[in-house]
Structure formats: C-alpha cells, structure tokens
Amino acid sequence: MRRLIFLFLLAVCQPFMAHAQTYSFNGVKSDIVIDVRTPEEFSAGHINGAINIPYDRIEANRSLLDKIKKDDNVLVYCRSGRRSEIAKQTLNNLGYKNVQNGGGMDSLTAKLKTCTGATC
C-alpha cells in the first residue's frame, strides 16, 4: 500500500519537479522536459528534471499533461529521436504549440544549455 501511495505521489508531483531545472535547446528555453523512453530506460539515466511519459502512453497520461500549459515550451527526447518525433506530433495534435524534438539523449546532452537565474 505504501508503495502504491509513493508511486501516486511521484506521478502527481513529477511535472512540478521538472521546473527545478530549466534548459535551452536551439535558443529556446524549455519549461518542461519530457523523456519519452520506457520507465526502464529512464531509470537507467535521464536528464535532470525530466519527467517520464513513454511516447506510446502520452494520450493515456492526460492527467499529467493537464498540468502543462498548451503554450509552454516543451522539449521531448528519447534514445535516437524517432520516438520523440512521434511524441512531438502527438502533443501537437493535443494542442501543445511549442514542442521541440531534442532527438536522442546522448546528442541532446551535448547541445543542451543549463539556464541559471535570468541567463539562459
């Protein structure tokens, strides 16, 4: 029961934890970073502050997405860029206007700029 409560709280709080770290990718400051890989891939390593919503579960996780504004800058990534492109298209179809495909995690981390304070 405790584990179930912990998982529920984690799922509810994750979108808010994403704001703990802000990044800039291709000159655009991202409000939300979503890792669209599997939970197993995510637990093996991810970008700090990212939330995990597998690309094929985006529509099923609307309760998490409701915490993200439709005009927030959203950055999605996966292992190679294929799943993140599908996720980007799905989010666009759901009305999210500012979604960027960051591609694969390894190449993204090399291009990602960490924002500190007012500078980004």
PDB file of N, CA and C in Angstrom:
ATOM      1  N   MET A   1       0.820  -1.189   0.000  1.00  0.00           N
ATOM      2  CA  MET A   1       0.000   0.000   0.000  1.00  0.00           C
ATOM      3  C   MET A   1       0.873   1.266   0.000  1.00  0.00           C
ATOM      4  N   ARG A   2       1.924   1.260   0.822  1.00  0.00           N
ATOM      5  CA  ARG A   2       2.819   2.417   0.875  1.00  0.00           C
ATOM      6  C   ARG A   2       3.463   2.668  -0.484  1.00  0.00           C
ATOM      7  N   ARG A   3       3.838   1.579  -1.147  1.00  0.00           N
ATOM      8  CA  ARG A   3       4.465   1.707  -2.467  1.00  0.00           C
ATOM      9  C   ARG A   3       3.501   2.330  -3.465  1.00  0.00           C
ATOM     10  N   LEU A   4       2.240   1.930  -3.393  1.00  0.00           N
ATOM     11  CA  LEU A   4       1.214   2.476  -4.277  1.00  0.00           C
ATOM     12  C   LEU A   4       1.026   3.971  -4.025  1.00  0.00           C
ATOM     13  N   ILE A   5       1.004   4.365  -2.774  1.00  0.00           N
ATOM     14  CA  ILE A   5       0.872   5.781  -2.417  1.00  0.00           C
ATOM     15  C   ILE A   5       2.092   6.553  -2.911  1.00  0.00           C
ATOM     16  N   PHE A   6       3.282   5.997  -2.721  1.00  0.00           N
ATOM     17  CA  PHE A   6       4.504   6.649  -3.185  1.00  0.00           C
ATOM     18  C   PHE A   6       4.477   6.857  -4.697  1.00  0.00           C
ATOM     19  N   LEU A   7       4.091   5.814  -5.445  1.00  0.00           N
ATOM     20  CA  LEU A   7       4.030   5.920  -6.904  1.00  0.00           C
ATOM     21  C   LEU A   7       3.000   6.950  -7.338  1.00  0.00           C
ATOM     22  N   PHE A   8       1.869   7.005  -6.649  1.00  0.00           N
ATOM     23  CA  PHE A   8       0.846   8.001  -6.966  1.00  0.00           C
ATOM     24  C   PHE A   8       1.382   9.412  -6.725  1.00  0.00           C
ATOM     25  N   LEU A   9       1.996   9.625  -5.580  1.00  0.00           N
ATOM     26  CA  LEU A   9       2.548  10.955  -5.275  1.00  0.00           C
ATOM     27  C   LEU A   9       3.650  11.335  -6.253  1.00  0.00           C
ATOM     28  N   LEU A  10       4.472  10.380  -6.621  1.00  0.00           N
ATOM     29  CA  LEU A  10       5.533  10.638  -7.589  1.00  0.00           C
ATOM     30  C   LEU A  10       4.939  11.064  -8.926  1.00  0.00           C
ATOM     31  N   ALA A  11       3.913  10.372  -9.376  1.00  0.00           N
ATOM     32  CA  ALA A  11       3.271  10.704 -10.659  1.00  0.00           C
ATOM     33  C   ALA A  11       2.632  12.083 -10.610  1.00  0.00           C
ATOM     34  N   VAL A  12       2.029  12.433  -9.495  1.00  0.00           N
ATOM     35  CA  VAL A  12       1.372  13.739  -9.365  1.00  0.00           C
ATOM     36  C   VAL A  12       2.394  14.869  -9.269  1.00  0.00           C
ATOM     37  N   CYS A  13       3.497  14.622  -8.586  1.00  0.00           N
ATOM     38  CA  CYS A  13       4.484  15.677  -8.346  1.00  0.00           C
ATOM     39  C   CYS A  13       5.509  15.826  -9.459  1.00  0.00           C
ATOM     40  N   GLN A  14       5.697  14.836 -10.301  1.00  0.00           N
ATOM     41  CA  GLN A  14       6.745  14.902 -11.318  1.00  0.00           C
ATOM     42  C   GLN A  14       6.670  16.138 -12.202  1.00  0.00           C
ATOM     43  N   PRO A  15       5.501  16.548 -12.717  1.00  0.00           N
ATOM     44  CA  PRO A  15       5.500  17.739 -13.573  1.00  0.00           C
ATOM     45  C   PRO A  15       6.003  18.987 -12.865  1.00  0.00           C
ATOM     46  N   PHE A  16       5.772  19.072 -11.565  1.00  0.00           N
ATOM     47  CA  PHE A  16       6.242  20.236 -10.834  1.00  0.00           C
ATOM     48  C   PHE A  16       7.734  20.172 -10.576  1.00  0.00           C
ATOM     49  N   MET A  17       8.283  18.969 -10.453  1.00  0.00           N
ATOM     50  CA  MET A  17       9.717  18.805 -10.241  1.00  0.00           C
ATOM     51  C   MET A  17      10.486  19.158 -11.505  1.00  0.00           C
ATOM     52  N   ALA A  18       9.834  19.081 -12.654  1.00  0.00           N
ATOM     53  CA  ALA A  18      10.510  19.398 -13.913  1.00  0.00           C
ATOM     54  C   ALA A  18      10.949  20.853 -13.950  1.00  0.00           C
ATOM     55  N   HIS A  19      10.274  21.702 -13.169  1.00  0.00           N
ATOM     56  CA  HIS A  19      10.632  23.110 -13.150  1.00  0.00           C
ATOM     57  C   HIS A  19      11.879  23.379 -12.315  1.00  0.00           C
ATOM     58  N   ALA A  20      12.396  22.349 -11.643  1.00  0.00           N
ATOM     59  CA  ALA A  20      13.584  22.527 -10.821  1.00  0.00           C
ATOM     60  C   ALA A  20      14.806  22.861 -11.674  1.00  0.00           C
ATOM     61  N   GLN A  21      14.815  22.438 -12.923  1.00  0.00           N
ATOM     62  CA  GLN A  21      15.926  22.707 -13.822  1.00  0.00           C
ATOM     63  C   GLN A  21      15.368  23.193 -15.153  1.00  0.00           C
ATOM     64  N   THR A  22      15.895  24.293 -15.644  1.00  0.00           N
ATOM     65  CA  THR A  22      15.459  24.845 -16.918  1.00  0.00           C
ATOM     66  C   THR A  22      16.614  24.776 -17.901  1.00  0.00           C
ATOM     67  N   TYR A  23      16.292  24.454 -19.134  1.00  0.00           N
ATOM     68  CA  TYR A  23      17.302  24.295 -20.177  1.00  0.00           C
ATOM     69  C   TYR A  23      16.950  25.133 -21.401  1.00  0.00           C
ATOM     70  N   SER A  24      17.964  25.364 -22.209  1.00  0.00           N
ATOM     71  CA  SER A  24      17.783  25.999 -23.507  1.00  0.00           C
ATOM     72  C   SER A  24      18.288  25.035 -24.571  1.00  0.00           C
ATOM     73  N   PHE A  25      17.476  24.847 -25.610  1.00  0.00           N
ATOM     74  CA  PHE A  25      17.844  23.984 -26.717  1.00  0.00           C
ATOM     75  C   PHE A  25      17.555  24.742 -28.009  1.00  0.00           C
ATOM     76  N   ASN A  26      18.573  24.891 -28.833  1.00  0.00           N
ATOM     77  CA  ASN A  26      18.454  25.666 -30.084  1.00  0.00           C
ATOM     78  C   ASN A  26      17.926  27.077 -29.832  1.00  0.00           C
ATOM     79  N   GLY A  27      18.354  27.658 -28.724  1.00  0.00           N
ATOM     80  CA  GLY A  27      17.975  29.026 -28.404  1.00  0.00           C
ATOM     81  C   GLY A  27      16.601  29.193 -27.783  1.00  0.00           C
ATOM     82  N   VAL A  28      15.901  28.090 -27.513  1.00  0.00           N
ATOM     83  CA  VAL A  28      14.562  28.148 -26.912  1.00  0.00           C
ATOM     84  C   VAL A  28      14.631  27.591 -25.498  1.00  0.00           C
ATOM     85  N   LYS A  29      14.176  28.393 -24.553  1.00  0.00           N
ATOM     86  CA  LYS A  29      14.148  27.978 -23.161  1.00  0.00           C
ATOM     87  C   LYS A  29      12.972  27.024 -22.953  1.00  0.00           C
ATOM     88  N   SER A  30      13.242  25.838 -22.431  1.00  0.00           N
ATOM     89  CA  SER A  30      12.207  24.830 -22.235  1.00  0.00           C
ATOM     90  C   SER A  30      11.636  24.902 -20.836  1.00  0.00           C
ATOM     91  N   ASP A  31      10.311  24.980 -20.764  1.00  0.00           N
ATOM     92  CA  ASP A  31       9.613  24.983 -19.479  1.00  0.00           C
ATOM     93  C   ASP A  31       9.506  23.563 -18.920  1.00  0.00           C
ATOM     94  N   ILE A  32       9.346  22.603 -19.820  1.00  0.00           N
ATOM     95  CA  ILE A  32       9.140  21.203 -19.448  1.00  0.00           C
ATOM     96  C   ILE A  32      10.026  20.329 -20.333  1.00  0.00           C
ATOM     97  N   VAL A  33      10.669  19.334 -19.726  1.00  0.00           N
ATOM     98  CA  VAL A  33      11.461  18.352 -20.479  1.00  0.00           C
ATOM     99  C   VAL A  33      10.834  16.991 -20.225  1.00  0.00           C
ATOM    100  N   ILE A  34      10.466  16.307 -21.325  1.00  0.00           N
ATOM    101  CA  ILE A  34       9.823  15.002 -21.207  1.00  0.00           C
ATOM    102  C   ILE A  34      10.685  13.938 -21.876  1.00  0.00           C
ATOM    103  N   ASP A  35      11.020  12.927 -21.106  1.00  0.00           N
ATOM    104  CA  ASP A  35      11.741  11.750 -21.594  1.00  0.00           C
ATOM    105  C   ASP A  35      10.668  10.754 -22.026  1.00  0.00           C
ATOM    106  N   VAL A  36      10.611  10.433 -23.322  1.00  0.00           N
ATOM    107  CA  VAL A  36       9.544   9.576 -23.836  1.00  0.00           C
ATOM    108  C   VAL A  36       9.978   8.120 -23.985  1.00  0.00           C
ATOM    109  N   ARG A  37      11.091   7.761 -23.343  1.00  0.00           N
ATOM    110  CA  ARG A  37      11.559   6.380 -23.362  1.00  0.00           C
ATOM    111  C   ARG A  37      10.777   5.556 -22.340  1.00  0.00           C
ATOM    112  N   THR A  38      11.073   4.277 -22.266  1.00  0.00           N
ATOM    113  CA  THR A  38      10.414   3.401 -21.304  1.00  0.00           C
ATOM    114  C   THR A  38      10.855   3.754 -19.880  1.00  0.00           C
ATOM    115  N   PRO A  39      10.058   3.372 -18.878  1.00  0.00           N
ATOM    116  CA  PRO A  39      10.469   3.610 -17.488  1.00  0.00           C
ATOM    117  C   PRO A  39      11.819   2.964 -17.154  1.00  0.00           C
ATOM    118  N   GLU A  40      12.108   1.817 -17.755  1.00  0.00           N
ATOM    119  CA  GLU A  40      13.385   1.150 -17.509  1.00  0.00           C
ATOM    120  C   GLU A  40      14.553   1.975 -18.055  1.00  0.00           C
ATOM    121  N   GLU A  41      14.385   2.510 -19.258  1.00  0.00           N
ATOM    122  CA  GLU A  41      15.426   3.361 -19.837  1.00  0.00           C
ATOM    123  C   GLU A  41      15.596   4.628 -18.995  1.00  0.00           C
ATOM    124  N   PHE A  42      14.486   5.196 -18.571  1.00  0.00           N
ATOM    125  CA  PHE A  42      14.502   6.411 -17.755  1.00  0.00           C
ATOM    126  C   PHE A  42      15.245   6.169 -16.448  1.00  0.00           C
ATOM    127  N   SER A  43      14.961   5.038 -15.795  1.00  0.00           N
ATOM    128  CA  SER A  43      15.604   4.756 -14.502  1.00  0.00           C
ATOM    129  C   SER A  43      17.098   4.485 -14.658  1.00  0.00           C
ATOM    130  N   ALA A  44      17.528   4.092 -15.845  1.00  0.00           N
ATOM    131  CA  ALA A  44      18.955   3.854 -16.092  1.00  0.00           C
ATOM    132  C   ALA A  44      19.729   5.158 -16.262  1.00  0.00           C
ATOM    133  N   GLY A  45      19.028   6.262 -16.463  1.00  0.00           N
ATOM    134  CA  GLY A  45      19.665   7.566 -16.611  1.00  0.00           C
ATOM    135  C   GLY A  45      18.798   8.482 -17.447  1.00  0.00           C
ATOM    136  N   HIS A  46      18.722   9.744 -17.029  1.00  0.00           N
ATOM    137  CA  HIS A  46      17.901  10.719 -17.735  1.00  0.00           C
ATOM    138  C   HIS A  46      18.417  12.122 -17.466  1.00  0.00           C
ATOM    139  N   ILE A  47      17.902  13.070 -18.190  1.00  0.00           N
ATOM    140  CA  ILE A  47      18.268  14.476 -17.996  1.00  0.00           C
ATOM    141  C   ILE A  47      17.627  14.965 -16.706  1.00  0.00           C
ATOM    142  N   ASN A  48      18.415  15.623 -15.888  1.00  0.00           N
ATOM    143  CA  ASN A  48      17.941  16.122 -14.602  1.00  0.00           C
ATOM    144  C   ASN A  48      16.704  16.995 -14.782  1.00  0.00           C
ATOM    145  N   GLY A  49      15.655  16.685 -14.033  1.00  0.00           N
ATOM    146  CA  GLY A  49      14.436  17.469 -14.079  1.00  0.00           C
ATOM    147  C   GLY A  49      13.413  16.980 -15.096  1.00  0.00           C
ATOM    148  N   ALA A  50      13.796  16.015 -15.925  1.00  0.00           N
ATOM    149  CA  ALA A  50      12.865  15.497 -16.930  1.00  0.00           C
ATOM    150  C   ALA A  50      11.794  14.640 -16.266  1.00  0.00           C
ATOM    151  N   ILE A  51      10.606  14.638 -16.869  1.00  0.00           N
ATOM    152  CA  ILE A  51       9.563  13.729 -16.435  1.00  0.00           C
ATOM    153  C   ILE A  51       9.486  12.603 -17.460  1.00  0.00           C
ATOM    154  N   ASN A  52       9.050  11.458 -17.029  1.00  0.00           N
ATOM    155  CA  ASN A  52       8.994  10.292 -17.909  1.00  0.00           C
ATOM    156  C   ASN A  52       7.556   9.993 -18.294  1.00  0.00           C
ATOM    157  N   ILE A  53       7.255  10.170 -19.567  1.00  0.00           N
ATOM    158  CA  ILE A  53       5.975   9.749 -20.133  1.00  0.00           C
ATOM    159  C   ILE A  53       6.324   9.021 -21.432  1.00  0.00           C
ATOM    160  N   PRO A  54       6.274   7.683 -21.438  1.00  0.00           N
ATOM    161  CA  PRO A  54       6.594   6.960 -22.664  1.00  0.00           C
ATOM    162  C   PRO A  54       5.745   7.458 -23.843  1.00  0.00           C
ATOM    163  N   TYR A  55       6.362   7.519 -25.011  1.00  0.00           N
ATOM    164  CA  TYR A  55       5.710   8.114 -26.186  1.00  0.00           C
ATOM    165  C   TYR A  55       4.369   7.457 -26.503  1.00  0.00           C
ATOM    166  N   ASP A  56       4.256   6.158 -26.254  1.00  0.00           N
ATOM    167  CA  ASP A  56       3.010   5.462 -26.567  1.00  0.00           C
ATOM    168  C   ASP A  56       1.981   5.544 -25.447  1.00  0.00           C
ATOM    169  N   ARG A  57       2.301   6.299 -24.394  1.00  0.00           N
ATOM    170  CA  ARG A  57       1.386   6.489 -23.253  1.00  0.00           C
ATOM    171  C   ARG A  57       1.001   7.955 -23.065  1.00  0.00           C
ATOM    172  N   ILE A  58       1.371   8.805 -23.991  1.00  0.00           N
ATOM    173  CA  ILE A  58       1.111  10.237 -23.833  1.00  0.00           C
ATOM    174  C   ILE A  58      -0.380  10.521 -23.724  1.00  0.00           C
ATOM    175  N   GLU A  59      -1.165  10.018 -24.647  1.00  0.00           N
ATOM    176  CA  GLU A  59      -2.605  10.284 -24.604  1.00  0.00           C
ATOM    177  C   GLU A  59      -3.252   9.691 -23.357  1.00  0.00           C
ATOM    178  N   ALA A  60      -2.754   8.564 -22.886  1.00  0.00           N
ATOM    179  CA  ALA A  60      -3.302   7.926 -21.692  1.00  0.00           C
ATOM    180  C   ALA A  60      -2.936   8.683 -20.417  1.00  0.00           C
ATOM    181  N   ASN A  61      -1.947   9.552 -20.487  1.00  0.00           N
ATOM    182  CA  ASN A  61      -1.492  10.315 -19.314  1.00  0.00           C
ATOM    183  C   ASN A  61      -1.954  11.768 -19.366  1.00  0.00           C
ATOM    184  N   ARG A  62      -3.137  11.985 -19.812  1.00  0.00           N
ATOM    185  CA  ARG A  62      -3.654  13.363 -19.907  1.00  0.00           C
ATOM    186  C   ARG A  62      -3.701  14.063 -18.559  1.00  0.00           C
ATOM    187  N   SER A  63      -3.871  13.312 -17.474  1.00  0.00           N
ATOM    188  CA  SER A  63      -3.895  13.949 -16.152  1.00  0.00           C
ATOM    189  C   SER A  63      -2.565  14.623 -15.853  1.00  0.00           C
ATOM    190  N   LEU A  64      -1.453  14.015 -16.295  1.00  0.00           N
ATOM    191  CA  LEU A  64      -0.140  14.655 -16.132  1.00  0.00           C
ATOM    192  C   LEU A  64       0.001  15.836 -17.084  1.00  0.00           C
ATOM    193  N   LEU A  65      -0.483  15.663 -18.300  1.00  0.00           N
ATOM    194  CA  LEU A  65      -0.362  16.727 -19.297  1.00  0.00           C
ATOM    195  C   LEU A  65      -1.210  17.942 -18.946  1.00  0.00           C
ATOM    196  N   ASP A  66      -2.303  17.735 -18.209  1.00  0.00           N
ATOM    197  CA  ASP A  66      -3.158  18.863 -17.825  1.00  0.00           C
ATOM    198  C   ASP A  66      -2.413  19.883 -16.978  1.00  0.00           C
ATOM    199  N   LYS A  67      -1.316  19.471 -16.363  1.00  0.00           N
ATOM    200  CA  LYS A  67      -0.516  20.387 -15.542  1.00  0.00           C
ATOM    201  C   LYS A  67       0.437  21.225 -16.398  1.00  0.00           C
ATOM    202  N   ILE A  68       0.516  20.900 -17.679  1.00  0.00           N
ATOM    203  CA  ILE A  68       1.371  21.637 -18.604  1.00  0.00           C
ATOM    204  C   ILE A  68       0.490  22.536 -19.462  1.00  0.00           C
ATOM    205  N   LYS A  69       0.830  23.815 -19.513  1.00  0.00           N
ATOM    206  CA  LYS A  69       0.055  24.759 -20.330  1.00  0.00           C
ATOM    207  C   LYS A  69       0.296  24.485 -21.809  1.00  0.00           C
ATOM    208  N   LYS A  70      -0.718  24.722 -22.606  1.00  0.00           N
ATOM    209  CA  LYS A  70      -0.638  24.457 -24.050  1.00  0.00           C
ATOM    210  C   LYS A  70       0.413  25.322 -24.741  1.00  0.00           C
ATOM    211  N   ASP A  71       0.768  26.468 -24.129  1.00  0.00           N
ATOM    212  CA  ASP A  71       1.768  27.342 -24.758  1.00  0.00           C
ATOM    213  C   ASP A  71       3.139  27.269 -24.080  1.00  0.00           C
ATOM    214  N   ASP A  72       3.313  26.334 -23.129  1.00  0.00           N
ATOM    215  CA  ASP A  72       4.634  26.114 -22.530  1.00  0.00           C
ATOM    216  C   ASP A  72       5.582  25.571 -23.590  1.00  0.00           C
ATOM    217  N   ASN A  73       6.851  25.905 -23.458  1.00  0.00           N
ATOM    218  CA  ASN A  73       7.880  25.314 -24.322  1.00  0.00           C
ATOM    219  C   ASN A  73       8.216  23.935 -23.778  1.00  0.00           C
ATOM    220  N   VAL A  74       7.956  22.918 -24.575  1.00  0.00           N
ATOM    221  CA  VAL A  74       8.151  21.537 -24.165  1.00  0.00           C
ATOM    222  C   VAL A  74       9.246  20.915 -25.037  1.00  0.00           C
ATOM    223  N   LEU A  75      10.190  20.265 -24.392  1.00  0.00           N
ATOM    224  CA  LEU A  75      11.270  19.572 -25.085  1.00  0.00           C
ATOM    225  C   LEU A  75      11.115  18.082 -24.826  1.00  0.00           C
ATOM    226  N   VAL A  76      11.038  17.283 -25.900  1.00  0.00           N
ATOM    227  CA  VAL A  76      10.926  15.834 -25.769  1.00  0.00           C
ATOM    228  C   VAL A  76      12.185  15.174 -26.308  1.00  0.00           C
ATOM    229  N   TYR A  77      12.563  14.060 -25.716  1.00  0.00           N
ATOM    230  CA  TYR A  77      13.724  13.315 -26.203  1.00  0.00           C
ATOM    231  C   TYR A  77      13.533  11.833 -25.924  1.00  0.00           C
ATOM    232  N   CYS A  78      14.315  11.012 -26.627  1.00  0.00           N
ATOM    233  CA  CYS A  78      14.297   9.560 -26.436  1.00  0.00           C
ATOM    234  C   CYS A  78      15.728   9.042 -26.589  1.00  0.00           C
ATOM    235  N   ARG A  79      15.918   7.895 -27.204  1.00  0.00           N
ATOM    236  CA  ARG A  79      17.262   7.356 -27.408  1.00  0.00           C
ATOM    237  C   ARG A  79      17.858   7.815 -28.729  1.00  0.00           C
ATOM    238  N   SER A  80      17.020   7.845 -29.772  1.00  0.00           N
ATOM    239  CA  SER A  80      17.545   8.174 -31.102  1.00  0.00           C
ATOM    240  C   SER A  80      16.858   9.353 -31.772  1.00  0.00           C
ATOM    241  N   GLY A  81      15.643   9.691 -31.339  1.00  0.00           N
ATOM    242  CA  GLY A  81      14.880  10.774 -31.952  1.00  0.00           C
ATOM    243  C   GLY A  81      13.609  10.318 -32.631  1.00  0.00           C
ATOM    244  N   ARG A  82      13.480   9.028 -32.885  1.00  0.00           N
ATOM    245  CA  ARG A  82      12.285   8.516 -33.564  1.00  0.00           C
ATOM    246  C   ARG A  82      11.051   8.595 -32.664  1.00  0.00           C
ATOM    247  N   ARG A  83      11.162   8.087 -31.442  1.00  0.00           N
ATOM    248  CA  ARG A  83      10.018   8.123 -30.522  1.00  0.00           C
ATOM    249  C   ARG A  83       9.680   9.545 -30.104  1.00  0.00           C
ATOM    250  N   SER A  84      10.705  10.390 -29.970  1.00  0.00           N
ATOM    251  CA  SER A  84      10.429  11.781 -29.583  1.00  0.00           C
ATOM    252  C   SER A  84       9.721  12.534 -30.713  1.00  0.00           C
ATOM    253  N   GLU A  85       9.957  12.171 -31.967  1.00  0.00           N
ATOM    254  CA  GLU A  85       9.226  12.792 -33.076  1.00  0.00           C
ATOM    255  C   GLU A  85       7.760  12.379 -33.038  1.00  0.00           C
ATOM    256  N   ILE A  86       7.494  11.112 -32.742  1.00  0.00           N
ATOM    257  CA  ILE A  86       6.116  10.645 -32.600  1.00  0.00           C
ATOM    258  C   ILE A  86       5.445  11.369 -31.433  1.00  0.00           C
ATOM    259  N   ALA A  87       6.170  11.502 -30.320  1.00  0.00           N
ATOM    260  CA  ALA A  87       5.636  12.201 -29.149  1.00  0.00           C
ATOM    261  C   ALA A  87       5.341  13.659 -29.464  1.00  0.00           C
ATOM    262  N   LYS A  88       6.231  14.306 -30.207  1.00  0.00           N
ATOM    263  CA  LYS A  88       6.030  15.702 -30.599  1.00  0.00           C
ATOM    264  C   LYS A  88       4.750  15.837 -31.419  1.00  0.00           C
ATOM    265  N   GLN A  89       4.559  14.956 -32.374  1.00  0.00           N
ATOM    266  CA  GLN A  89       3.360  15.003 -33.201  1.00  0.00           C
ATOM    267  C   GLN A  89       2.106  14.757 -32.370  1.00  0.00           C
ATOM    268  N   THR A  90       2.170  13.820 -31.433  1.00  0.00           N
ATOM    269  CA  THR A  90       1.031  13.540 -30.556  1.00  0.00           C
ATOM    270  C   THR A  90       0.702  14.758 -29.715  1.00  0.00           C
ATOM    271  N   LEU A  91       1.718  15.390 -29.124  1.00  0.00           N
ATOM    272  CA  LEU A  91       1.487  16.584 -28.303  1.00  0.00           C
ATOM    273  C   LEU A  91       0.929  17.724 -29.155  1.00  0.00           C
ATOM    274  N   ASN A  92       1.448  17.893 -30.360  1.00  0.00           N
ATOM    275  CA  ASN A  92       0.906  18.910 -31.269  1.00  0.00           C
ATOM    276  C   ASN A  92      -0.575  18.643 -31.542  1.00  0.00           C
ATOM    277  N   ASN A  93      -0.921  17.389 -31.778  1.00  0.00           N
ATOM    278  CA  ASN A  93      -2.320  17.019 -32.034  1.00  0.00           C
ATOM    279  C   ASN A  93      -3.215  17.269 -30.825  1.00  0.00           C
ATOM    280  N   LEU A  94      -2.625  17.242 -29.628  1.00  0.00           N
ATOM    281  CA  LEU A  94      -3.371  17.519 -28.402  1.00  0.00           C
ATOM    282  C   LEU A  94      -3.446  19.016 -28.104  1.00  0.00           C
ATOM    283  N   GLY A  95      -2.834  19.833 -28.956  1.00  0.00           N
ATOM    284  CA  GLY A  95      -2.933  21.283 -28.796  1.00  0.00           C
ATOM    285  C   GLY A  95      -1.723  21.965 -28.209  1.00  0.00           C
ATOM    286  N   TYR A  96      -0.656  21.230 -27.941  1.00  0.00           N
ATOM    287  CA  TYR A  96       0.570  21.847 -27.427  1.00  0.00           C
ATOM    288  C   TYR A  96       1.293  22.494 -28.599  1.00  0.00           C
ATOM    289  N   LYS A  97       1.538  23.797 -28.470  1.00  0.00           N
ATOM    290  CA  LYS A  97       2.005  24.592 -29.612  1.00  0.00           C
ATOM    291  C   LYS A  97       3.513  24.671 -29.752  1.00  0.00           C
ATOM    292  N   ASN A  98       4.236  24.557 -28.664  1.00  0.00           N
ATOM    293  CA  ASN A  98       5.681  24.805 -28.669  1.00  0.00           C
ATOM    294  C   ASN A  98       6.465  23.577 -28.229  1.00  0.00           C
ATOM    295  N   VAL A  99       6.414  22.537 -29.038  1.00  0.00           N
ATOM    296  CA  VAL A  99       7.094  21.286 -28.712  1.00  0.00           C
ATOM    297  C   VAL A  99       8.300  21.132 -29.627  1.00  0.00           C
ATOM    298  N   GLN A 100       9.449  20.866 -29.024  1.00  0.00           N
ATOM    299  CA  GLN A 100      10.681  20.623 -29.777  1.00  0.00           C
ATOM    300  C   GLN A 100      11.113  19.173 -29.609  1.00  0.00           C
ATOM    301  N   ASN A 101      11.583  18.580 -30.682  1.00  0.00           N
ATOM    302  CA  ASN A 101      12.162  17.249 -30.626  1.00  0.00           C
ATOM    303  C   ASN A 101      13.659  17.411 -30.382  1.00  0.00           C
ATOM    304  N   GLY A 102      14.098  17.022 -29.193  1.00  0.00           N
ATOM    305  CA  GLY A 102      15.516  17.110 -28.861  1.00  0.00           C
ATOM    306  C   GLY A 102      16.333  15.961 -29.411  1.00  0.00           C
ATOM    307  N   GLY A 103      15.657  14.964 -29.983  1.00  0.00           N
ATOM    308  CA  GLY A 103      16.366  13.819 -30.543  1.00  0.00           C
ATOM    309  C   GLY A 103      16.791  12.845 -29.470  1.00  0.00           C
ATOM    310  N   GLY A 104      17.940  12.243 -29.674  1.00  0.00           N
ATOM    311  CA  GLY A 104      18.470  11.262 -28.738  1.00  0.00           C
ATOM    312  C   GLY A 104      19.119  11.900 -27.526  1.00  0.00           C
ATOM    313  N   MET A 105      19.054  11.215 -26.403  1.00  0.00           N
ATOM    314  CA  MET A 105      19.573  11.766 -25.150  1.00  0.00           C
ATOM    315  C   MET A 105      21.057  12.099 -25.222  1.00  0.00           C
ATOM    316  N   ASP A 106      21.864  11.237 -25.807  1.00  0.00           N
ATOM    317  CA  ASP A 106      23.303  11.484 -25.849  1.00  0.00           C
ATOM    318  C   ASP A 106      23.643  12.746 -26.640  1.00  0.00           C
ATOM    319  N   SER A 107      23.052  12.890 -27.818  1.00  0.00           N
ATOM    320  CA  SER A 107      23.336  14.085 -28.619  1.00  0.00           C
ATOM    321  C   SER A 107      22.697  15.324 -27.991  1.00  0.00           C
ATOM    322  N   LEU A 108      21.547  15.153 -27.344  1.00  0.00           N
ATOM    323  CA  LEU A 108      20.871  16.283 -26.709  1.00  0.00           C
ATOM    324  C   LEU A 108      21.696  16.857 -25.560  1.00  0.00           C
ATOM    325  N   THR A 109      22.273  16.000 -24.735  1.00  0.00           N
ATOM    326  CA  THR A 109      23.035  16.497 -23.591  1.00  0.00           C
ATOM    327  C   THR A 109      24.225  17.343 -24.044  1.00  0.00           C
ATOM    328  N   ALA A 110      24.754  17.047 -25.217  1.00  0.00           N
ATOM    329  CA  ALA A 110      25.872  17.840 -25.738  1.00  0.00           C
ATOM    330  C   ALA A 110      25.418  19.221 -26.207  1.00  0.00           C
ATOM    331  N   LYS A 111      24.167  19.356 -26.605  1.00  0.00           N
ATOM    332  CA  LYS A 111      23.632  20.612 -27.137  1.00  0.00           C
ATOM    333  C   LYS A 111      22.834  21.404 -26.116  1.00  0.00           C
ATOM    334  N   LEU A 112      22.453  20.785 -25.029  1.00  0.00           N
ATOM    335  CA  LEU A 112      21.581  21.386 -24.045  1.00  0.00           C
ATOM    336  C   LEU A 112      22.346  22.374 -23.166  1.00  0.00           C
ATOM    337  N   LYS A 113      21.779  23.539 -23.011  1.00  0.00           N
ATOM    338  CA  LYS A 113      22.406  24.575 -22.178  1.00  0.00           C
ATOM    339  C   LYS A 113      21.576  24.724 -20.910  1.00  0.00           C
ATOM    340  N   THR A 114      22.235  24.654 -19.753  1.00  0.00           N
ATOM    341  CA  THR A 114      21.555  24.815 -18.475  1.00  0.00           C
ATOM    342  C   THR A 114      21.342  26.287 -18.184  1.00  0.00           C
ATOM    343  N   CYS A 115      20.136  26.641 -17.838  1.00  0.00           N
ATOM    344  CA  CYS A 115      19.816  28.027 -17.501  1.00  0.00           C
ATOM    345  C   CYS A 115      20.054  28.258 -16.018  1.00  0.00           C
ATOM    346  N   THR A 116      20.638  29.392 -15.689  1.00  0.00           N
ATOM    347  CA  THR A 116      20.853  29.766 -14.303  1.00  0.00           C
ATOM    348  C   THR A 116      20.315  31.175 -14.096  1.00  0.00           C
ATOM    349  N   GLY A 117      19.386  31.296 -13.169  1.00  0.00           N
ATOM    350  CA  GLY A 117      18.802  32.605 -12.900  1.00  0.00           C
ATOM    351  C   GLY A 117      18.149  33.193 -14.134  1.00  0.00           C
ATOM    352  N   ALA A 118      18.502  34.425 -14.466  1.00  0.00           N
ATOM    353  CA  ALA A 118      17.894  35.111 -15.601  1.00  0.00           C
ATOM    354  C   ALA A 118      18.613  34.794 -16.906  1.00  0.00           C
ATOM    355  N   THR A 119      19.783  34.167 -16.828  1.00  0.00           N
ATOM    356  CA  THR A 119      20.519  33.882 -18.055  1.00  0.00           C
ATOM    357  C   THR A 119      20.232  32.473 -18.551  1.00  0.00           C
ATOM    358  N   CYS A 120      20.202  32.375 -19.872  1.00  0.00           N
ATOM    359  CA  CYS A 120      19.943  31.068 -20.460  1.00  0.00           C
ATOM    360  C   CYS A 120      20.617  30.982 -21.817  1.00  0.00           C
TER     361      CYS A 120
END
